[in-house]
Amino acid sequence: MEFFWALTSPEMYTLPVGIPTLMSTYLVDFVVPMTVNAVASVPVIILFILFQRQIIQGISFTGGK
């Protein structure tokens, strides 16, 4: 039961858990969570652009008969 320490500090939150903490209770502001989501998706987009050829080759290799 040592894994419970990970969610007790805000520094260790994962993105799905940490982004809603940016929302205020009385103010509906969607700019900050949407900005965090956009910034968090940038590394994934960069990795896809860099490895696009390998990803497509892998999909075509497993999709054929």
C-alpha atoms as a PDB file:
ATOM      1  CA  MET A   1       0.000   0.000   0.000  1.00  0.00           C
ATOM      2  CA  GLU A   2       2.914   2.348  -0.661  1.00  0.00           C
ATOM      3  CA  PHE A   3       1.482   3.766  -3.883  1.00  0.00           C
ATOM      4  CA  PHE A   4      -1.006   6.062  -2.104  1.00  0.00           C
ATOM      5  CA  TRP A   5       1.674   8.710  -1.498  1.00  0.00           C
ATOM      6  CA  ALA A   6       1.677   9.657  -5.179  1.00  0.00           C
ATOM      7  CA  LEU A   7      -1.679  11.456  -5.079  1.00  0.00           C
ATOM      8  CA  THR A   8      -1.220  13.230  -1.766  1.00  0.00           C
ATOM      9  CA  SER A   9       1.010  15.972  -3.162  1.00  0.00           C
ATOM     10  CA  PRO A  10      -0.097  18.192  -6.063  1.00  0.00           C
ATOM     11  CA  GLU A  11       3.370  17.926  -7.627  1.00  0.00           C
ATOM     12  CA  MET A  12       2.797  14.219  -8.283  1.00  0.00           C
ATOM     13  CA  TYR A  13      -0.620  14.501  -9.938  1.00  0.00           C
ATOM     14  CA  THR A  14      -1.010  13.055 -13.401  1.00  0.00           C
ATOM     15  CA  LEU A  15      -2.582  15.251 -16.088  1.00  0.00           C
ATOM     16  CA  PRO A  16      -6.145  13.868 -15.819  1.00  0.00           C
ATOM     17  CA  VAL A  17      -6.078  14.410 -12.054  1.00  0.00           C
ATOM     18  CA  GLY A  18      -4.166  17.694 -12.007  1.00  0.00           C
ATOM     19  CA  ILE A  19      -5.993  19.673 -14.694  1.00  0.00           C
ATOM     20  CA  PRO A  20      -9.331  19.815 -12.825  1.00  0.00           C
ATOM     21  CA  THR A  21      -7.504  21.274  -9.813  1.00  0.00           C
ATOM     22  CA  LEU A  22      -6.886  24.380 -11.899  1.00  0.00           C
ATOM     23  CA  MET A  23     -10.624  25.034 -12.050  1.00  0.00           C
ATOM     24  CA  SER A  24     -12.092  27.372  -9.462  1.00  0.00           C
ATOM     25  CA  THR A  25     -15.188  26.529  -7.470  1.00  0.00           C
ATOM     26  CA  TYR A  26     -17.096  29.719  -8.188  1.00  0.00           C
ATOM     27  CA  LEU A  27     -15.627  30.833 -11.502  1.00  0.00           C
ATOM     28  CA  VAL A  28     -16.027  28.945 -14.765  1.00  0.00           C
ATOM     29  CA  ASP A  29     -12.840  29.581 -16.704  1.00  0.00           C
ATOM     30  CA  PHE A  30     -11.996  27.145 -19.465  1.00  0.00           C
ATOM     31  CA  VAL A  31      -8.941  28.988 -20.778  1.00  0.00           C
ATOM     32  CA  VAL A  32      -6.391  27.581 -18.317  1.00  0.00           C
ATOM     33  CA  PRO A  33      -7.404  23.893 -18.568  1.00  0.00           C
ATOM     34  CA  MET A  34      -7.608  24.081 -22.351  1.00  0.00           C
ATOM     35  CA  THR A  35      -4.184  25.730 -22.488  1.00  0.00           C
ATOM     36  CA  VAL A  36      -2.709  23.021 -20.262  1.00  0.00           C
ATOM     37  CA  ASN A  37      -4.257  20.339 -22.477  1.00  0.00           C
ATOM     38  CA  ALA A  38      -2.843  21.973 -25.605  1.00  0.00           C
ATOM     39  CA  VAL A  39       0.640  22.285 -24.101  1.00  0.00           C
ATOM     40  CA  ALA A  40       0.519  18.691 -22.839  1.00  0.00           C
ATOM     41  CA  SER A  41      -0.307  17.409 -26.331  1.00  0.00           C
ATOM     42  CA  VAL A  42       2.694  19.124 -27.991  1.00  0.00           C
ATOM     43  CA  PRO A  43       5.257  16.385 -27.101  1.00  0.00           C
ATOM     44  CA  VAL A  44       2.957  13.676 -28.461  1.00  0.00           C
ATOM     45  CA  ILE A  45       2.482  15.586 -31.712  1.00  0.00           C
ATOM     46  CA  ILE A  46       6.241  16.094 -32.049  1.00  0.00           C
ATOM     47  CA  LEU A  47       6.883  12.387 -31.466  1.00  0.00           C
ATOM     48  CA  PHE A  48       4.293  11.477 -34.083  1.00  0.00           C
ATOM     49  CA  ILE A  49       5.885  13.816 -36.623  1.00  0.00           C
ATOM     50  CA  LEU A  50       9.344  12.385 -35.933  1.00  0.00           C
ATOM     51  CA  PHE A  51       8.272   8.725 -36.069  1.00  0.00           C
ATOM     52  CA  GLN A  52       5.454   8.999 -38.606  1.00  0.00           C
ATOM     53  CA  ARG A  53       7.087   6.651 -41.122  1.00  0.00           C
ATOM     54  CA  GLN A  54       7.697   3.919 -38.523  1.00  0.00           C
ATOM     55  CA  ILE A  55       4.159   4.240 -37.140  1.00  0.00           C
ATOM     56  CA  ILE A  56       2.576   3.946 -40.586  1.00  0.00           C
ATOM     57  CA  GLN A  57       4.805   0.985 -41.495  1.00  0.00           C
ATOM     58  CA  GLY A  58       3.830  -0.757 -38.268  1.00  0.00           C
ATOM     59  CA  ILE A  59       0.137  -0.204 -38.893  1.00  0.00           C
ATOM     60  CA  SER A  60       0.371  -1.420 -42.489  1.00  0.00           C
ATOM     61  CA  PHE A  61       2.421  -4.467 -41.436  1.00  0.00           C
ATOM     62  CA  THR A  62      -0.084  -5.594 -38.806  1.00  0.00           C
ATOM     63  CA  GLY A  63      -3.142  -4.726 -40.918  1.00  0.00           C
ATOM     64  CA  GLY A  64      -2.308  -6.949 -43.877  1.00  0.00           C
ATOM     65  CA  LYS A  65      -3.122 -10.632 -44.262  1.00  0.00           C
END
